[in-house]
Amino acid sequence: MAVTLLPLSNGHYSLEFESADLPSVSSAIRDRYGVPDQRQYPTSAEYRFGGCSFTFQNEWDDPCLISGSAEGDDILKSLHNDLSTGA
């Protein structure tokens, strides 16, 4: 599994992974935070879990979750750790 946590220019983070890893990422979110609320938009989706909102994009078969808050950054860091260590 190739999961990367990228710092963004706005100071927040993007959790990036391969399409084949979508089931593992979804499972990690459900295990830690329950089933996320989802709102679909034409080019992205909003996922809410852990009390935070994330933008999900999957352009060019390159999915990512993008945080817009410090609390969301902490959640993405925890998910990255879980997914990287197999926790």
C-alpha atoms as a PDB file:
ATOM      1  CA  MET A   1       0.000   0.000   0.000  1.00  0.00           C
ATOM      2  CA  ALA A   2       1.383   3.368  -1.022  1.00  0.00           C
ATOM      3  CA  VAL A   3      -0.101   6.109   1.161  1.00  0.00           C
ATOM      4  CA  THR A   4       1.462   9.567   1.218  1.00  0.00           C
ATOM      5  CA  LEU A   5       0.751  12.524   3.475  1.00  0.00           C
ATOM      6  CA  LEU A   6       1.544  15.699   1.553  1.00  0.00           C
ATOM      7  CA  PRO A   7       1.794  19.148   3.150  1.00  0.00           C
ATOM      8  CA  LEU A   8      -0.145  21.742   1.161  1.00  0.00           C
ATOM      9  CA  SER A   9       0.773  25.376   0.550  1.00  0.00           C
ATOM     10  CA  ASN A  10      -2.105  26.479   2.814  1.00  0.00           C
ATOM     11  CA  GLY A  11      -0.560  24.655   5.794  1.00  0.00           C
ATOM     12  CA  HIS A  12      -2.953  21.704   5.726  1.00  0.00           C
ATOM     13  CA  TYR A  13      -2.514  18.154   4.410  1.00  0.00           C
ATOM     14  CA  SER A  14      -3.624  15.810   1.666  1.00  0.00           C
ATOM     15  CA  LEU A  15      -3.693  12.048   2.184  1.00  0.00           C
ATOM     16  CA  GLU A  16      -2.935  10.513  -1.211  1.00  0.00           C
ATOM     17  CA  PHE A  17      -3.218   6.867  -2.166  1.00  0.00           C
ATOM     18  CA  GLU A  18      -3.822   4.542  -5.093  1.00  0.00           C
ATOM     19  CA  SER A  19      -7.288   3.567  -6.321  1.00  0.00           C
ATOM     20  CA  ALA A  20      -6.555  -0.031  -5.326  1.00  0.00           C
ATOM     21  CA  ASP A  21      -6.166   1.214  -1.726  1.00  0.00           C
ATOM     22  CA  LEU A  22      -9.659   2.776  -1.535  1.00  0.00           C
ATOM     23  CA  PRO A  23     -11.114  -0.224   0.375  1.00  0.00           C
ATOM     24  CA  SER A  24      -8.298  -0.082   2.961  1.00  0.00           C
ATOM     25  CA  VAL A  25      -8.643   3.680   3.425  1.00  0.00           C
ATOM     26  CA  SER A  26     -12.436   3.381   3.739  1.00  0.00           C
ATOM     27  CA  SER A  27     -12.049   0.584   6.266  1.00  0.00           C
ATOM     28  CA  ALA A  28      -9.545   2.582   8.344  1.00  0.00           C
ATOM     29  CA  ILE A  29     -11.955   5.541   8.447  1.00  0.00           C
ATOM     30  CA  ARG A  30     -14.925   3.351   9.445  1.00  0.00           C
ATOM     31  CA  ASP A  31     -12.889   1.493  12.101  1.00  0.00           C
ATOM     32  CA  ARG A  32     -11.724   4.713  13.736  1.00  0.00           C
ATOM     33  CA  TYR A  33     -14.629   7.137  13.129  1.00  0.00           C
ATOM     34  CA  GLY A  34     -17.662   5.171  11.943  1.00  0.00           C
ATOM     35  CA  VAL A  35     -19.405   5.586   8.601  1.00  0.00           C
ATOM     36  CA  PRO A  36     -18.685   9.059   7.211  1.00  0.00           C
ATOM     37  CA  ASP A  37     -21.384  11.416   5.966  1.00  0.00           C
ATOM     38  CA  GLN A  38     -20.959  12.095   2.265  1.00  0.00           C
ATOM     39  CA  ARG A  39     -22.095  14.821  -0.114  1.00  0.00           C
ATOM     40  CA  GLN A  40     -21.322  14.421  -3.808  1.00  0.00           C
ATOM     41  CA  TYR A  41     -20.397  17.347  -6.076  1.00  0.00           C
ATOM     42  CA  PRO A  42     -19.637  17.299  -9.818  1.00  0.00           C
ATOM     43  CA  THR A  43     -15.837  17.065  -9.461  1.00  0.00           C
ATOM     44  CA  SER A  44     -15.376  16.112  -5.804  1.00  0.00           C
ATOM     45  CA  ALA A  45     -17.113  14.876  -2.686  1.00  0.00           C
ATOM     46  CA  GLU A  46     -17.229  16.089   0.889  1.00  0.00           C
ATOM     47  CA  TYR A  47     -16.728  13.524   3.624  1.00  0.00           C
ATOM     48  CA  ARG A  48     -17.443  14.316   7.268  1.00  0.00           C
ATOM     49  CA  PHE A  49     -15.990  12.127  10.012  1.00  0.00           C
ATOM     50  CA  GLY A  50     -14.241  12.682  13.313  1.00  0.00           C
ATOM     51  CA  GLY A  51     -15.992  16.055  13.589  1.00  0.00           C
ATOM     52  CA  CYS A  52     -14.192  17.387  10.487  1.00  0.00           C
ATOM     53  CA  SER A  53     -14.895  17.911   6.817  1.00  0.00           C
ATOM     54  CA  PHE A  54     -12.624  16.617   4.041  1.00  0.00           C
ATOM     55  CA  THR A  55     -12.615  17.058   0.294  1.00  0.00           C
ATOM     56  CA  PHE A  56     -12.267  13.800  -1.613  1.00  0.00           C
ATOM     57  CA  GLN A  57     -11.029  13.959  -5.192  1.00  0.00           C
ATOM     58  CA  ASN A  58     -10.241  11.131  -7.565  1.00  0.00           C
ATOM     59  CA  GLU A  59      -9.035  12.773 -10.749  1.00  0.00           C
ATOM     60  CA  TRP A  60      -6.842  10.798 -13.120  1.00  0.00           C
ATOM     61  CA  ASP A  61      -7.211   7.709 -10.917  1.00  0.00           C
ATOM     62  CA  ASP A  62      -5.252   9.463  -8.149  1.00  0.00           C
ATOM     63  CA  PRO A  63      -7.533   9.659  -5.070  1.00  0.00           C
ATOM     64  CA  CYS A  64      -6.887  11.956  -2.121  1.00  0.00           C
ATOM     65  CA  LEU A  65      -8.519  13.313   1.026  1.00  0.00           C
ATOM     66  CA  ILE A  66      -7.807  16.990   1.673  1.00  0.00           C
ATOM     67  CA  SER A  67      -8.071  18.642   5.071  1.00  0.00           C
ATOM     68  CA  GLY A  68      -9.042  22.250   5.645  1.00  0.00           C
ATOM     69  CA  SER A  69      -8.482  22.456   9.414  1.00  0.00           C
ATOM     70  CA  ALA A  70      -5.874  21.704  12.074  1.00  0.00           C
ATOM     71  CA  GLU A  71      -8.158  19.031  13.545  1.00  0.00           C
ATOM     72  CA  GLY A  72      -8.541  17.462  10.105  1.00  0.00           C
ATOM     73  CA  ASP A  73      -4.766  17.519   9.679  1.00  0.00           C
ATOM     74  CA  ASP A  74      -4.438  15.492  12.897  1.00  0.00           C
ATOM     75  CA  ILE A  75      -7.010  12.978  11.627  1.00  0.00           C
ATOM     76  CA  LEU A  76      -5.153  12.554   8.325  1.00  0.00           C
ATOM     77  CA  LYS A  77      -1.874  12.101  10.213  1.00  0.00           C
ATOM     78  CA  SER A  78      -3.479   9.365  12.339  1.00  0.00           C
ATOM     79  CA  LEU A  79      -4.949   7.640   9.286  1.00  0.00           C
ATOM     80  CA  HIS A  80      -1.588   7.848   7.502  1.00  0.00           C
ATOM     81  CA  ASN A  81       0.106   6.246  10.505  1.00  0.00           C
ATOM     82  CA  ASP A  82      -2.528   3.486  10.725  1.00  0.00           C
ATOM     83  CA  LEU A  83      -2.332   2.725   7.017  1.00  0.00           C
ATOM     84  CA  SER A  84       1.482   2.890   6.865  1.00  0.00           C
ATOM     85  CA  THR A  85       2.035   0.628   9.867  1.00  0.00           C
ATOM     86  CA  GLY A  86      -0.890  -1.703   9.246  1.00  0.00           C
ATOM     87  CA  ALA A  87      -2.413  -0.816  12.632  1.00  0.00           C
END
